[in-house]
């Protein structure tokens, strides 16, 4: 006996298949509704999502918050940075190109200079108009001379890594003493009450000019950024001027807060453009004539010393 099997014709659906399709469609309805909500911008809440789905949602939210905070911080930091001013050359004076200038000071009508390099370091008095050395004393070969300042009847000269400073009689240039340094010696000046010393980092130290003991310290910042490589120093009209090693900029620092209130660019000086090699022949040396309110700048092995004035443009 032959049993005939009924087969579905093309284009037709068997009853059992139709039932299965209806069930499948019913299961898809919630997903389709969810997709429609997403297309309309009505995304399901992360709180109602399963654990597997709320983690990416939470991570995305945290990333957005962090990115926004970083952008805000960067904006605030940029907004607090000190402005930059330029200089105009008033006059150019000859300068010894063999002088590796580490310190410069003008006091009582005289220009004093400290030079570096082991075996070549000196303390000297220089004729401003000619650049000639009027008198000089050489440091022992093992010392690398650094910054200088005049305190009353004394001249104080730092050394680099020997962690010692020398004291000279201003009139005779005879060495009268020495004192230890806590760190490397780079630049030194004073505010009439305290010695101010730099060591190539972002920190200035204050010393008692009689005992040479540390009385305080100050971190120098531009906005929230620490300013490193502070080098030769000069105290000018209530502010600390500091060369920044390897750059053509002078930081003008508030001695109360350590904040950089402005930057002085030396880019317009021909020697700064032509000679600065980023290592040795860099701007270094700031001196101020209080009586005539003249500002002088030079550099290591520069053949010229400039009198400059600050201009806004």
Foldseek 3Di string as FASTA:
>chain_A
DDDDDDDDDPPDDDPVVVVVVVVVVVVCVVVVVQVVCVVVVNHDDLVPDDPVPNVVVVVVVVVVVVVVVVVVVVVQLVVQFAAEWEKDFPDKAFAFLQFLFAEWAADPNWIWTWGFDQPPTKTFTADGRHNDTPDIDDDHRVWTWHYWEDDPQWIWIFTFAVQKIWIAGNPPRHTDDMDGHPAGFFEWYDDNAWIWTDRQAQKIWTAGPVVRDTDDMAGADRRNHTQGGFGYWYQAPQWIWTDRQLAQKIFTAHPVHNYGNYIYGHCPPPCQVPPRPSHRFHKHYWYADPVVGWIWTHTGSDRIITTIDIDHD
